[in-house]
Every structure is written in C-alpha cells, then in structure tokens.
C-alpha cells in the first residue's frame, strides 16, 4: 500500500515571538515493513538553520531556530510512504509465566528491555490499574492471547471522546471515566502491561481514516495516531491498536517509538514571548495507485 502524507501545524501567537527553538519528530521511519521517500519539511518564517539526527530510540528528529519576530509559525511536512507486504504472523504460544522468566532471568535481554518495563513520564500505575490488567493476564495463558484480550477490553469498555482529556489527565481518571483518545488508551494499555512485568513501548504515527458512507473525504481530516508495541519472546516486538482493536497492518504508518508520548512529541520547543497561543493541526493520508 502506498500513501502520500501531509502534516501541517499552524501556531498563532497572541504576542510577537522574538526567538523560537524547536525539535520536530514527524518523519516516518524506514523499517522492514515500510519505506519513506521524498520527505520534505517547509517552515514559515524560514529558520536560520535546519539540522537532523537520530535520537536515542532511533527516531528521526529535525532541529531548527527562528530569530526573527513573528506571530505565526507554520510547519508542513510531506512525504511518500509505502507499506511493504507484511509476512503472516507466526504466533508463539509462550505463556505469561514463561515469558516473564525469560525476560527477567536472561541478563542481556533484561538490560535491553528494562527501560520499557519501568514507569515513565506519562505512564504510572496503581492497584486499580493492576486489578484491571489482571483480568487479561494469567500465568498459563499465552502472552500474545493476553495482549489480544487487553486490546479488546479497552476497545469495548472505553468510549473515544475528543476533548475529554489532556496530556496531564491521570490514567486513573481515564480508567474511572472509561473514555479518552488513542493517546490515553495507548498509555493505559502500556501501564497495564508494565504492571504485569512485561516490556511495552509507545508508537506514534498515522492511520488512514474513511469518511462516512456517501460523503467525500475532507482535506486535513486524517489524524495522528498512537498504538503500542509489546515484546514477546521468540516473536520480538508485536504491535496492537487498542483504540481500534486491530493488529496494525497496511493502514498504520509508523513515525516513532518511545517509552511514552514524551519521547515522540511531534513538535516541541522554547519560545521567547508572552501570552497565549492557538494551534491547528491538519493531516492528510492519501492512498496512491
């Protein structure tokens, strides 16, 4: 499957910004399952420089600075992405108990995975989250099957509601109110998995959305998306989408991996100004013949 991808972010500031320094994490990764070509980033006002690097997690980050006064900032990224033919999943039926033993007692593996087992900036858990997770994980159940149960549980018990939560909404609130967005559901799923002792990471990217039947697809109507990746011994990292109760396939475009959202923020920076600002994001994921 091939896509043409466009992501536009527009900031409008109440007062003039004199200087701005930013990190952008919006370039899809080149992986065995996908290929990104023709990536381009356009910034207005034109920055004094743009550099890029691979971060600790292997994600592609762009850095730029603007030293001229401005009241609006527009960042537009475009690229072509091809989702390569996925190989059939060869499910290993290692149980939760067996997986924990392998992960915790093989030193080299434990060192590699430990950062994805510990609490992180947006992912912490309490007894309520542990209790919620325990219903899906039992010692003699295959870990892959337990992940499918957790994914389905979040999908069926929670309501997708934009505007309900923010980055600072505690996971215990998401669990209590049973609603949120893909970011919340991914953070909750990872908290559940880590609370059971298993490694899990956050995946940021895009998913193609379909318009209502009989309606045209509106420009900018697609969205950034988030899902999760879980390490299963003898299988490696396996991805699950709790928002849609899916195993990600040719409609999911991967941009970055991290411990949680804090590691993969699409656009973050430091401004020299005062007052409020508004931000508008538009995304287009367009299938290509």
C-alpha atoms as a PDB file:
ATOM      1  CA  UNK A   1       0.000   0.000   0.000  1.00  0.00           C
ATOM      2  CA  UNK A   2       1.325   3.457  -0.927  1.00  0.00           C
ATOM      3  CA  UNK A   3       0.363   6.785   0.638  1.00  0.00           C
ATOM      4  CA  UNK A   4       1.042  10.462   0.112  1.00  0.00           C
ATOM      5  CA  UNK A   5       1.325  12.054   3.557  1.00  0.00           C
ATOM      6  CA  UNK A   6       0.988  15.708   4.589  1.00  0.00           C
ATOM      7  CA  UNK A   7       1.098  17.080   8.135  1.00  0.00           C
ATOM      8  CA  UNK A   8       0.557  20.797   8.754  1.00  0.00           C
ATOM      9  CA  UNK A   9       0.890  22.542  12.126  1.00  0.00           C
ATOM     10  CA  UNK A  10      -0.048  26.203  12.473  1.00  0.00           C
ATOM     11  CA  UNK A  11       0.693  28.247  15.601  1.00  0.00           C
ATOM     12  CA  UNK A  12      -0.871  31.678  16.116  1.00  0.00           C
ATOM     13  CA  UNK A  13       0.571  33.707  18.981  1.00  0.00           C
ATOM     14  CA  UNK A  14      -1.117  36.441  20.995  1.00  0.00           C
ATOM     15  CA  UNK A  15       2.103  38.454  21.153  1.00  0.00           C
ATOM     16  CA  UNK A  16       5.188  38.628  18.965  1.00  0.00           C
ATOM     17  CA  UNK A  17       7.686  35.792  19.368  1.00  0.00           C
ATOM     18  CA  UNK A  18      11.251  37.043  19.126  1.00  0.00           C
ATOM     19  CA  UNK A  19      13.077  33.711  19.106  1.00  0.00           C
ATOM     20  CA  UNK A  20      11.983  30.100  18.754  1.00  0.00           C
ATOM     21  CA  UNK A  21      13.904  26.829  19.046  1.00  0.00           C
ATOM     22  CA  UNK A  22      12.174  23.601  18.123  1.00  0.00           C
ATOM     23  CA  UNK A  23      12.513  19.825  17.745  1.00  0.00           C
ATOM     24  CA  UNK A  24      10.305  18.120  15.147  1.00  0.00           C
ATOM     25  CA  UNK A  25       9.599  14.368  15.154  1.00  0.00           C
ATOM     26  CA  UNK A  26       7.435  13.851  12.075  1.00  0.00           C
ATOM     27  CA  UNK A  27       9.481  11.852   9.564  1.00  0.00           C
ATOM     28  CA  UNK A  28       8.222   8.263   9.181  1.00  0.00           C
ATOM     29  CA  UNK A  29      10.831   5.603   9.835  1.00  0.00           C
ATOM     30  CA  UNK A  30      12.387   3.329   7.252  1.00  0.00           C
ATOM     31  CA  UNK A  31      11.744  -0.196   8.502  1.00  0.00           C
ATOM     32  CA  UNK A  32      11.376  -3.707   7.169  1.00  0.00           C
ATOM     33  CA  UNK A  33       7.645  -3.059   6.992  1.00  0.00           C
ATOM     34  CA  UNK A  34       7.627   0.440   5.486  1.00  0.00           C
ATOM     35  CA  UNK A  35       9.662   2.823   3.337  1.00  0.00           C
ATOM     36  CA  UNK A  36       9.590   6.632   3.482  1.00  0.00           C
ATOM     37  CA  UNK A  37      10.751   8.664   0.462  1.00  0.00           C
ATOM     38  CA  UNK A  38      10.706  12.292  -0.704  1.00  0.00           C
ATOM     39  CA  UNK A  39      10.447  13.683   2.830  1.00  0.00           C
ATOM     40  CA  UNK A  40      10.333  17.482   2.879  1.00  0.00           C
ATOM     41  CA  UNK A  41       9.893  19.992   5.677  1.00  0.00           C
ATOM     42  CA  UNK A  42       8.857  23.603   4.996  1.00  0.00           C
ATOM     43  CA  UNK A  43       8.802  26.181   7.792  1.00  0.00           C
ATOM     44  CA  UNK A  44       7.440  29.733   7.769  1.00  0.00           C
ATOM     45  CA  UNK A  45       9.095  32.033   8.759  1.00  0.00           C
ATOM     46  CA  UNK A  46      12.220  30.499   7.251  1.00  0.00           C
ATOM     47  CA  UNK A  47      14.525  29.300  10.060  1.00  0.00           C
ATOM     48  CA  UNK A  48      18.172  30.241  10.270  1.00  0.00           C
ATOM     49  CA  UNK A  49      19.060  26.539  10.037  1.00  0.00           C
ATOM     50  CA  UNK A  50      17.552  23.028   9.991  1.00  0.00           C
ATOM     51  CA  UNK A  51      19.544  20.015  11.162  1.00  0.00           C
ATOM     52  CA  UNK A  52      18.517  16.424  11.771  1.00  0.00           C
ATOM     53  CA  UNK A  53      19.711  13.428  13.747  1.00  0.00           C
ATOM     54  CA  UNK A  54      18.594  10.030  15.025  1.00  0.00           C
ATOM     55  CA  UNK A  55      17.656  10.134  18.686  1.00  0.00           C
ATOM     56  CA  UNK A  56      18.349   7.502  21.360  1.00  0.00           C
ATOM     57  CA  UNK A  57      15.371   5.404  20.203  1.00  0.00           C
ATOM     58  CA  UNK A  58      16.329   5.588  16.524  1.00  0.00           C
ATOM     59  CA  UNK A  59      13.674   8.164  15.619  1.00  0.00           C
ATOM     60  CA  UNK A  60      14.442  10.980  13.159  1.00  0.00           C
ATOM     61  CA  UNK A  61      14.400  14.464  14.694  1.00  0.00           C
ATOM     62  CA  UNK A  62      14.779  17.825  12.955  1.00  0.00           C
ATOM     63  CA  UNK A  63      16.062  20.894  14.814  1.00  0.00           C
ATOM     64  CA  UNK A  64      15.500  24.491  13.795  1.00  0.00           C
ATOM     65  CA  UNK A  65      15.689  28.030  15.182  1.00  0.00           C
ATOM     66  CA  UNK A  66      13.912  31.223  14.134  1.00  0.00           C
ATOM     67  CA  UNK A  67      15.482  34.510  15.195  1.00  0.00           C
ATOM     68  CA  UNK A  68      13.117  36.983  13.529  1.00  0.00           C
ATOM     69  CA  UNK A  69       9.978  38.373  15.210  1.00  0.00           C
ATOM     70  CA  UNK A  70       6.784  36.540  14.169  1.00  0.00           C
ATOM     71  CA  UNK A  71       3.184  35.995  15.276  1.00  0.00           C
ATOM     72  CA  UNK A  72       2.512  32.832  13.296  1.00  0.00           C
ATOM     73  CA  UNK A  73       4.527  29.676  12.736  1.00  0.00           C
ATOM     74  CA  UNK A  74       3.696  27.075  10.109  1.00  0.00           C
ATOM     75  CA  UNK A  75       5.438  23.705   9.829  1.00  0.00           C
ATOM     76  CA  UNK A  76       4.484  21.482   6.897  1.00  0.00           C
ATOM     77  CA  UNK A  77       5.950  18.029   6.277  1.00  0.00           C
ATOM     78  CA  UNK A  78       5.243  15.936   3.205  1.00  0.00           C
ATOM     79  CA  UNK A  79       6.458  12.522   2.054  1.00  0.00           C
ATOM     80  CA  UNK A  80       5.546   9.308   0.301  1.00  0.00           C
ATOM     81  CA  UNK A  81       5.219   6.133   2.357  1.00  0.00           C
ATOM     82  CA  UNK A  82       4.984   2.573   1.117  1.00  0.00           C
ATOM     83  CA  UNK A  83       3.751  -0.100   3.493  1.00  0.00           C
ATOM     84  CA  UNK A  84       5.536  -3.256   2.430  1.00  0.00           C
ATOM     85  CA  UNK A  85       3.890  -6.655   2.280  1.00  0.00           C
ATOM     86  CA  UNK A  86       3.576  -7.942   5.817  1.00  0.00           C
ATOM     87  CA  UNK A  87       4.619 -11.515   6.469  1.00  0.00           C
ATOM     88  CA  UNK A  88       1.993 -13.733   8.171  1.00  0.00           C
ATOM     89  CA  UNK A  89       2.339 -13.566  11.953  1.00  0.00           C
ATOM     90  CA  UNK A  90       3.925 -16.731  13.300  1.00  0.00           C
ATOM     91  CA  UNK A  91       2.399 -16.709  16.766  1.00  0.00           C
ATOM     92  CA  UNK A  92       4.457 -18.235  19.555  1.00  0.00           C
ATOM     93  CA  UNK A  93       2.315 -19.584  22.374  1.00  0.00           C
ATOM     94  CA  UNK A  94       4.780 -18.844  25.170  1.00  0.00           C
ATOM     95  CA  UNK A  95       2.748 -18.310  28.335  1.00  0.00           C
ATOM     96  CA  UNK A  96       2.850 -15.211  30.518  1.00  0.00           C
ATOM     97  CA  UNK A  97       4.697 -17.160  33.208  1.00  0.00           C
ATOM     98  CA  UNK A  98       7.287 -18.485  30.758  1.00  0.00           C
ATOM     99  CA  UNK A  99       7.744 -15.068  29.141  1.00  0.00           C
ATOM    100  CA  UNK A 100       8.382 -13.383  32.498  1.00  0.00           C
ATOM    101  CA  UNK A 101      11.033 -15.951  33.383  1.00  0.00           C
ATOM    102  CA  UNK A 102      12.853 -15.466  30.095  1.00  0.00           C
ATOM    103  CA  UNK A 103      12.688 -11.658  30.242  1.00  0.00           C
ATOM    104  CA  UNK A 104      13.777 -11.401  33.878  1.00  0.00           C
ATOM    105  CA  UNK A 105      16.409 -14.130  34.070  1.00  0.00           C
ATOM    106  CA  UNK A 106      18.317 -13.628  30.817  1.00  0.00           C
ATOM    107  CA  UNK A 107      20.569 -10.731  31.825  1.00  0.00           C
ATOM    108  CA  UNK A 108      21.359  -9.402  28.348  1.00  0.00           C
ATOM    109  CA  UNK A 109      17.689  -9.383  27.395  1.00  0.00           C
ATOM    110  CA  UNK A 110      16.643  -7.801  30.706  1.00  0.00           C
ATOM    111  CA  UNK A 111      19.140  -4.941  30.294  1.00  0.00           C
ATOM    112  CA  UNK A 112      17.838  -4.289  26.783  1.00  0.00           C
ATOM    113  CA  UNK A 113      14.181  -4.246  27.818  1.00  0.00           C
ATOM    114  CA  UNK A 114      14.241  -2.739  31.320  1.00  0.00           C
ATOM    115  CA  UNK A 115      13.526   0.844  30.201  1.00  0.00           C
ATOM    116  CA  UNK A 116      10.235  -0.396  28.723  1.00  0.00           C
ATOM    117  CA  UNK A 117       9.214  -2.141  31.954  1.00  0.00           C
ATOM    118  CA  UNK A 118       9.596   0.817  34.322  1.00  0.00           C
ATOM    119  CA  UNK A 119       7.294   3.800  34.958  1.00  0.00           C
ATOM    120  CA  UNK A 120       7.895   6.764  32.653  1.00  0.00           C
ATOM    121  CA  UNK A 121       6.752  10.382  32.465  1.00  0.00           C
ATOM    122  CA  UNK A 122       3.142   9.690  31.456  1.00  0.00           C
ATOM    123  CA  UNK A 123       2.863   6.050  32.484  1.00  0.00           C
ATOM    124  CA  UNK A 124       2.444   5.052  36.100  1.00  0.00           C
ATOM    125  CA  UNK A 125       0.128   2.530  37.680  1.00  0.00           C
ATOM    126  CA  UNK A 126      -1.686   1.856  40.929  1.00  0.00           C
ATOM    127  CA  UNK A 127      -3.717  -1.005  42.366  1.00  0.00           C
ATOM    128  CA  UNK A 128      -6.750  -0.136  40.236  1.00  0.00           C
ATOM    129  CA  UNK A 129      -4.762  -0.417  37.010  1.00  0.00           C
ATOM    130  CA  UNK A 130      -3.171  -3.658  38.221  1.00  0.00           C
ATOM    131  CA  UNK A 131      -6.625  -5.041  39.022  1.00  0.00           C
ATOM    132  CA  UNK A 132      -7.878  -4.030  35.563  1.00  0.00           C
ATOM    133  CA  UNK A 133      -4.872  -5.707  33.894  1.00  0.00           C
ATOM    134  CA  UNK A 134      -5.022  -8.940  35.906  1.00  0.00           C
ATOM    135  CA  UNK A 135      -8.302  -9.886  34.216  1.00  0.00           C
ATOM    136  CA  UNK A 136      -6.406 -10.308  30.944  1.00  0.00           C
ATOM    137  CA  UNK A 137      -3.134 -11.849  32.124  1.00  0.00           C
ATOM    138  CA  UNK A 138      -2.940 -15.223  33.809  1.00  0.00           C
ATOM    139  CA  UNK A 139       0.220 -17.333  34.251  1.00  0.00           C
ATOM    140  CA  UNK A 140      -0.747 -20.150  31.878  1.00  0.00           C
ATOM    141  CA  UNK A 141      -2.345 -18.023  29.135  1.00  0.00           C
ATOM    142  CA  UNK A 142      -0.190 -17.302  26.050  1.00  0.00           C
ATOM    143  CA  UNK A 143       1.154 -13.749  26.244  1.00  0.00           C
ATOM    144  CA  UNK A 144       0.002 -12.977  22.696  1.00  0.00           C
ATOM    145  CA  UNK A 145      -3.539 -14.074  23.602  1.00  0.00           C
ATOM    146  CA  UNK A 146      -3.417 -11.939  26.763  1.00  0.00           C
ATOM    147  CA  UNK A 147      -2.498  -8.937  24.630  1.00  0.00           C
ATOM    148  CA  UNK A 148      -5.455  -9.569  22.366  1.00  0.00           C
ATOM    149  CA  UNK A 149      -7.724  -9.736  25.431  1.00  0.00           C
ATOM    150  CA  UNK A 150      -6.389  -6.433  26.779  1.00  0.00           C
ATOM    151  CA  UNK A 151      -6.733  -4.734  23.387  1.00  0.00           C
ATOM    152  CA  UNK A 152     -10.329  -5.923  23.054  1.00  0.00           C
ATOM    153  CA  UNK A 153     -11.148  -4.996  26.659  1.00  0.00           C
ATOM    154  CA  UNK A 154     -10.056  -1.383  26.199  1.00  0.00           C
ATOM    155  CA  UNK A 155     -11.829  -1.156  22.848  1.00  0.00           C
ATOM    156  CA  UNK A 156     -15.149  -2.496  24.175  1.00  0.00           C
ATOM    157  CA  UNK A 157     -15.222  -0.825  27.597  1.00  0.00           C
ATOM    158  CA  UNK A 158     -13.966   2.676  26.701  1.00  0.00           C
ATOM    159  CA  UNK A 159     -15.522   5.449  24.642  1.00  0.00           C
ATOM    160  CA  UNK A 160     -13.461   7.527  22.213  1.00  0.00           C
ATOM    161  CA  UNK A 161     -14.151  11.171  23.072  1.00  0.00           C
ATOM    162  CA  UNK A 162     -12.063  14.041  21.755  1.00  0.00           C
ATOM    163  CA  UNK A 163     -11.587  16.937  24.146  1.00  0.00           C
ATOM    164  CA  UNK A 164     -12.201  14.900  27.282  1.00  0.00           C
ATOM    165  CA  UNK A 165      -8.549  14.561  28.262  1.00  0.00           C
ATOM    166  CA  UNK A 166      -5.236  16.360  28.018  1.00  0.00           C
ATOM    167  CA  UNK A 167      -1.638  15.269  28.449  1.00  0.00           C
ATOM    168  CA  UNK A 168      -1.950  15.894  32.161  1.00  0.00           C
ATOM    169  CA  UNK A 169      -5.081  13.777  32.694  1.00  0.00           C
ATOM    170  CA  UNK A 170      -4.090  10.942  35.076  1.00  0.00           C
ATOM    171  CA  UNK A 171      -4.539   7.391  33.860  1.00  0.00           C
ATOM    172  CA  UNK A 172      -6.679   6.685  36.920  1.00  0.00           C
ATOM    173  CA  UNK A 173      -9.154   9.280  35.570  1.00  0.00           C
ATOM    174  CA  UNK A 174      -9.180   7.616  32.142  1.00  0.00           C
ATOM    175  CA  UNK A 175      -9.806   4.276  33.844  1.00  0.00           C
ATOM    176  CA  UNK A 176     -12.578   5.659  36.062  1.00  0.00           C
ATOM    177  CA  UNK A 177     -14.429   7.630  33.371  1.00  0.00           C
ATOM    178  CA  UNK A 178     -13.894   4.975  30.670  1.00  0.00           C
ATOM    179  CA  UNK A 179     -13.194   7.468  27.887  1.00  0.00           C
ATOM    180  CA  UNK A 180     -10.369   9.280  26.157  1.00  0.00           C
ATOM    181  CA  UNK A 181      -8.435   9.241  22.876  1.00  0.00           C
ATOM    182  CA  UNK A 182      -5.839   6.982  21.264  1.00  0.00           C
ATOM    183  CA  UNK A 183      -3.029   8.524  23.311  1.00  0.00           C
ATOM    184  CA  UNK A 184      -4.875   7.742  26.557  1.00  0.00           C
ATOM    185  CA  UNK A 185      -5.756   4.193  25.518  1.00  0.00           C
ATOM    186  CA  UNK A 186      -2.164   3.504  24.489  1.00  0.00           C
ATOM    187  CA  UNK A 187      -0.783   4.887  27.756  1.00  0.00           C
ATOM    188  CA  UNK A 188      -3.333   2.858  29.740  1.00  0.00           C
ATOM    189  CA  UNK A 189      -2.526  -0.332  27.827  1.00  0.00           C
ATOM    190  CA  UNK A 190       1.209   0.160  28.392  1.00  0.00           C
ATOM    191  CA  UNK A 191       0.632   0.814  32.107  1.00  0.00           C
ATOM    192  CA  UNK A 192      -1.344  -2.436  32.329  1.00  0.00           C
ATOM    193  CA  UNK A 193       1.346  -4.405  30.509  1.00  0.00           C
ATOM    194  CA  UNK A 194       4.228  -2.980  32.537  1.00  0.00           C
ATOM    195  CA  UNK A 195       2.327  -3.505  35.768  1.00  0.00           C
ATOM    196  CA  UNK A 196       2.329  -7.227  34.895  1.00  0.00           C
ATOM    197  CA  UNK A 197       6.107  -7.098  34.342  1.00  0.00           C
ATOM    198  CA  UNK A 198       6.196  -7.093  30.530  1.00  0.00           C
ATOM    199  CA  UNK A 199       8.025  -4.594  28.269  1.00  0.00           C
ATOM    200  CA  UNK A 200       5.868  -2.269  26.189  1.00  0.00           C
ATOM    201  CA  UNK A 201       6.554   0.857  24.162  1.00  0.00           C
ATOM    202  CA  UNK A 202       4.536   3.686  22.645  1.00  0.00           C
ATOM    203  CA  UNK A 203       4.163   4.021  18.868  1.00  0.00           C
ATOM    204  CA  UNK A 204       3.304   7.317  17.186  1.00  0.00           C
ATOM    205  CA  UNK A 205       2.221   7.585  13.592  1.00  0.00           C
ATOM    206  CA  UNK A 206      -0.785   7.907  11.325  1.00  0.00           C
ATOM    207  CA  UNK A 207      -3.780   5.871  10.281  1.00  0.00           C
ATOM    208  CA  UNK A 208      -5.900   6.381   7.204  1.00  0.00           C
ATOM    209  CA  UNK A 209      -9.459   7.352   8.127  1.00  0.00           C
ATOM    210  CA  UNK A 210     -12.526   6.788   5.973  1.00  0.00           C
ATOM    211  CA  UNK A 211     -15.339   9.347   5.549  1.00  0.00           C
ATOM    212  CA  UNK A 212     -18.969   8.467   6.316  1.00  0.00           C
ATOM    213  CA  UNK A 213     -20.666   6.418   3.587  1.00  0.00           C
ATOM    214  CA  UNK A 214     -21.638   8.664   0.699  1.00  0.00           C
ATOM    215  CA  UNK A 215     -19.581  11.602   1.963  1.00  0.00           C
ATOM    216  CA  UNK A 216     -16.361  12.938   0.388  1.00  0.00           C
ATOM    217  CA  UNK A 217     -13.134  12.820   2.329  1.00  0.00           C
ATOM    218  CA  UNK A 218     -12.346  16.302   3.625  1.00  0.00           C
ATOM    219  CA  UNK A 219      -8.888  17.804   3.292  1.00  0.00           C
ATOM    220  CA  UNK A 220      -6.994  17.640   6.572  1.00  0.00           C
ATOM    221  CA  UNK A 221      -9.482  15.175   8.084  1.00  0.00           C
ATOM    222  CA  UNK A 222      -6.967  12.441   8.899  1.00  0.00           C
ATOM    223  CA  UNK A 223      -5.119  12.455  12.201  1.00  0.00           C
ATOM    224  CA  UNK A 224      -2.040  11.457  14.081  1.00  0.00           C
ATOM    225  CA  UNK A 225      -2.480   8.135  15.820  1.00  0.00           C
ATOM    226  CA  UNK A 226      -0.936   6.127  18.652  1.00  0.00           C
ATOM    227  CA  UNK A 227      -0.768   2.436  19.426  1.00  0.00           C
ATOM    228  CA  UNK A 228       1.525   0.059  21.323  1.00  0.00           C
ATOM    229  CA  UNK A 229       4.337  -2.424  20.795  1.00  0.00           C
ATOM    230  CA  UNK A 230       4.920  -5.347  23.175  1.00  0.00           C
ATOM    231  CA  UNK A 231       7.980  -7.579  23.378  1.00  0.00           C
ATOM    232  CA  UNK A 232       7.036 -11.258  23.195  1.00  0.00           C
ATOM    233  CA  UNK A 233       9.921 -13.747  23.482  1.00  0.00           C
ATOM    234  CA  UNK A 234      10.633 -15.687  20.263  1.00  0.00           C
ATOM    235  CA  UNK A 235       8.445 -13.226  18.331  1.00  0.00           C
ATOM    236  CA  UNK A 236      10.083  -9.866  19.054  1.00  0.00           C
ATOM    237  CA  UNK A 237       8.142  -6.588  19.149  1.00  0.00           C
ATOM    238  CA  UNK A 238       4.464  -7.107  18.296  1.00  0.00           C
ATOM    239  CA  UNK A 239       2.066  -4.210  17.709  1.00  0.00           C
ATOM    240  CA  UNK A 240      -1.524  -3.808  18.869  1.00  0.00           C
ATOM    241  CA  UNK A 241      -4.015  -0.958  18.400  1.00  0.00           C
ATOM    242  CA  UNK A 242      -6.344  -0.758  21.442  1.00  0.00           C
ATOM    243  CA  UNK A 243      -8.271   2.207  20.023  1.00  0.00           C
ATOM    244  CA  UNK A 244      -9.491   0.154  17.081  1.00  0.00           C
ATOM    245  CA  UNK A 245      -8.998  -3.416  18.387  1.00  0.00           C
ATOM    246  CA  UNK A 246      -6.639  -4.127  15.491  1.00  0.00           C
ATOM    247  CA  UNK A 247      -3.312  -5.705  14.742  1.00  0.00           C
ATOM    248  CA  UNK A 248      -1.684  -2.795  12.834  1.00  0.00           C
ATOM    249  CA  UNK A 249      -1.214  -3.571   9.155  1.00  0.00           C
ATOM    250  CA  UNK A 250      -1.130  -1.613   5.915  1.00  0.00           C
ATOM    251  CA  UNK A 251      -3.168   1.346   7.195  1.00  0.00           C
ATOM    252  CA  UNK A 252      -0.766   2.213  10.029  1.00  0.00           C
ATOM    253  CA  UNK A 253       2.242   4.455   9.284  1.00  0.00           C
ATOM    254  CA  UNK A 254       4.981   4.443  11.933  1.00  0.00           C
ATOM    255  CA  UNK A 255       6.756   7.694  12.793  1.00  0.00           C
ATOM    256  CA  UNK A 256       8.477   6.982  16.100  1.00  0.00           C
ATOM    257  CA  UNK A 257       8.896   4.653  19.086  1.00  0.00           C
ATOM    258  CA  UNK A 258       9.400   5.650  22.732  1.00  0.00           C
ATOM    259  CA  UNK A 259       8.616   4.852  26.343  1.00  0.00           C
ATOM    260  CA  UNK A 260       5.554   7.124  26.121  1.00  0.00           C
ATOM    261  CA  UNK A 261       4.357  10.274  24.332  1.00  0.00           C
ATOM    262  CA  UNK A 262       7.071  12.414  25.913  1.00  0.00           C
ATOM    263  CA  UNK A 263       9.713  10.659  23.796  1.00  0.00           C
ATOM    264  CA  UNK A 264       7.911  11.189  20.475  1.00  0.00           C
ATOM    265  CA  UNK A 265       6.276  14.639  20.673  1.00  0.00           C
ATOM    266  CA  UNK A 266       5.654  15.769  17.059  1.00  0.00           C
ATOM    267  CA  UNK A 267       6.669  19.385  17.671  1.00  0.00           C
ATOM    268  CA  UNK A 268       8.109  20.895  20.826  1.00  0.00           C
ATOM    269  CA  UNK A 269      10.189  23.950  21.527  1.00  0.00           C
ATOM    270  CA  UNK A 270      11.142  27.015  23.512  1.00  0.00           C
ATOM    271  CA  UNK A 271       9.688  30.440  22.664  1.00  0.00           C
ATOM    272  CA  UNK A 272      10.785  33.874  23.821  1.00  0.00           C
ATOM    273  CA  UNK A 273       7.469  35.685  24.236  1.00  0.00           C
ATOM    274  CA  UNK A 274       4.436  36.013  26.498  1.00  0.00           C
ATOM    275  CA  UNK A 275       0.703  35.436  26.226  1.00  0.00           C
ATOM    276  CA  UNK A 276      -1.366  32.587  24.870  1.00  0.00           C
ATOM    277  CA  UNK A 277      -1.323  30.821  21.529  1.00  0.00           C
ATOM    278  CA  UNK A 278      -3.592  28.657  19.404  1.00  0.00           C
ATOM    279  CA  UNK A 279      -2.540  25.612  17.429  1.00  0.00           C
ATOM    280  CA  UNK A 280      -4.243  23.915  14.485  1.00  0.00           C
ATOM    281  CA  UNK A 281      -3.145  20.593  13.019  1.00  0.00           C
ATOM    282  CA  UNK A 282      -4.242  19.132   9.688  1.00  0.00           C
ATOM    283  CA  UNK A 283      -3.251  15.700   8.385  1.00  0.00           C
ATOM    284  CA  UNK A 284      -3.841  14.078   5.006  1.00  0.00           C
ATOM    285  CA  UNK A 285      -3.139  10.381   4.412  1.00  0.00           C
ATOM    286  CA  UNK A 286      -3.940   9.857   0.733  1.00  0.00           C
ATOM    287  CA  UNK A 287      -3.769   6.373  -0.868  1.00  0.00           C
ATOM    288  CA  UNK A 288      -1.836   6.237  -4.142  1.00  0.00           C
ATOM    289  CA  UNK A 289      -2.412   3.895  -7.062  1.00  0.00           C
END
